[in-house]
Amino acid sequence: ADVLQQHSAKSLEVVPESLSLAYEGKTLDLQLTLRGNGVVEPGPSARREGVRVQLFFALDSDVVPGKLLRAKEANDAARKQAKEELRQKEEERCKQIEQEE
């Protein structure tokens, strides 16, 4: 389960300690294997039929995945740039009005 946590954390771009894994409502013990945690893996026949194990993950409440963090930063930068452009246009307009008077 530890390897799964490490891989999931890397994929989400978060520190592994901020991510927990669960199966059927129970948090997985990372020191145990999936089987040791009571996860029943489907046999070959079931896998061919598309049966999959459903694991869930949860992040600590203050953790933001890297992709979302970058998107937020890009959005904030775009808003800041738009405000600055608007401020510059307003400033230019005020100068034109002063010159016309």
Protein backbone atom coordinates (compact mmCIF):
# COMPACT_ATOMS: atom_id res chain seq x y z
CA ALA A 1 0.00 0.00 0.00
CA ASP A 2 2.97 2.31 0.64
CA VAL A 3 4.07 2.09 -3.01
CA LEU A 4 0.52 2.93 -4.10
CA GLN A 5 0.48 5.96 -1.79
CA GLN A 6 3.86 7.14 -3.13
CA HIS A 7 2.73 6.78 -6.75
CA SER A 8 -0.61 8.49 -6.11
CA ALA A 9 1.07 11.37 -4.30
CA LYS A 10 3.55 11.82 -7.15
CA SER A 11 0.73 11.81 -9.69
CA LEU A 12 -1.24 14.41 -7.69
CA GLU A 13 1.92 16.41 -6.95
CA VAL A 14 1.47 16.36 -3.18
CA VAL A 15 3.60 15.10 -0.33
CA PRO A 16 2.81 11.43 0.38
CA GLU A 17 2.11 12.09 4.07
CA SER A 18 -0.85 14.30 3.11
CA LEU A 19 -2.62 11.48 1.26
CA SER A 20 -4.47 8.55 2.78
CA LEU A 21 -5.94 5.54 0.99
CA ALA A 22 -9.13 3.69 1.85
CA TYR A 23 -10.97 0.54 0.83
CA GLU A 24 -14.59 -0.16 1.75
CA GLY A 25 -14.61 2.67 4.25
CA LYS A 26 -11.43 1.64 6.06
CA THR A 27 -8.13 3.51 5.91
CA LEU A 28 -5.36 1.30 4.58
CA ASP A 29 -2.39 0.50 6.78
CA LEU A 30 0.54 1.51 4.58
CA GLN A 31 2.82 -1.03 6.24
CA LEU A 32 0.65 -3.88 4.92
CA THR A 33 0.04 -5.14 1.42
CA LEU A 34 -3.34 -4.68 -0.21
CA ARG A 35 -4.20 -8.28 0.70
CA GLY A 36 -3.04 -7.62 4.26
CA ASN A 37 -5.50 -4.73 4.38
CA GLY A 38 -8.36 -7.02 3.37
CA VAL A 39 -8.49 -5.89 -0.25
CA VAL A 40 -9.79 -8.77 -2.34
CA GLU A 41 -8.26 -8.63 -5.78
CA PRO A 42 -10.36 -10.09 -8.60
CA GLY A 43 -9.11 -13.26 -10.24
CA PRO A 44 -8.18 -13.53 -13.93
CA SER A 45 -11.72 -14.35 -15.05
CA ALA A 46 -13.20 -11.40 -13.15
CA ARG A 47 -10.50 -9.05 -14.49
CA ARG A 48 -11.33 -10.12 -18.04
CA GLU A 49 -14.94 -9.20 -17.29
CA GLY A 50 -13.80 -5.77 -16.17
CA VAL A 51 -14.07 -6.17 -12.39
CA ARG A 52 -11.78 -3.68 -10.68
CA VAL A 53 -10.81 -2.90 -7.10
CA GLN A 54 -12.04 0.54 -6.01
CA LEU A 55 -9.65 2.38 -3.73
CA PHE A 56 -10.33 5.89 -2.57
CA PHE A 57 -7.98 8.60 -1.46
CA ALA A 58 -8.32 11.64 0.73
CA LEU A 59 -6.05 14.65 1.07
CA ASP A 60 -5.46 16.64 4.23
CA SER A 61 -7.77 19.66 4.27
CA ASP A 62 -5.00 22.20 3.65
CA VAL A 63 -3.46 20.34 0.69
CA VAL A 64 -3.98 21.48 -2.90
CA PRO A 65 -2.83 19.21 -5.75
CA GLY A 66 0.00 20.71 -7.81
CA LYS A 67 -2.05 21.04 -11.02
CA LEU A 68 -4.82 22.96 -9.24
CA LEU A 69 -2.27 25.14 -7.46
CA ARG A 70 -0.62 26.07 -10.76
CA ALA A 71 -4.02 26.82 -12.32
CA LYS A 72 -4.91 29.08 -9.38
CA GLU A 73 -1.56 30.88 -9.62
CA ALA A 74 -2.03 31.39 -13.39
CA ASN A 75 -5.55 32.72 -12.80
CA ASP A 76 -4.31 35.09 -10.09
CA ALA A 77 -1.52 36.34 -12.36
CA ALA A 78 -3.95 36.92 -15.24
CA ARG A 79 -6.30 38.89 -12.97
CA LYS A 80 -3.41 40.97 -11.64
CA GLN A 81 -2.28 41.72 -15.19
CA ALA A 82 -5.82 42.68 -16.25
CA LYS A 83 -6.15 45.03 -13.27
CA GLU A 84 -2.80 46.63 -14.08
CA GLU A 85 -3.79 47.12 -17.73
CA LEU A 86 -7.09 48.68 -16.65
CA ARG A 87 -5.26 50.98 -14.21
CA GLN A 88 -2.84 52.08 -16.97
CA LYS A 89 -5.70 52.80 -19.40
CA GLU A 90 -7.50 54.82 -16.73
CA GLU A 91 -4.34 56.74 -16.00
CA GLU A 92 -3.85 57.51 -19.71
CA ARG A 93 -7.47 58.65 -19.97
CA CYS A 94 -7.05 61.00 -17.01
CA LYS A 95 -3.92 62.49 -18.59
CA GLN A 96 -5.78 63.08 -21.86
CA ILE A 97 -8.61 64.84 -20.03
CA GLU A 98 -6.10 67.04 -18.18
CA GLN A 99 -4.39 67.96 -21.45
CA GLU A 100 -7.70 68.86 -23.08
CA GLU A 101 -8.56 71.30 -20.30
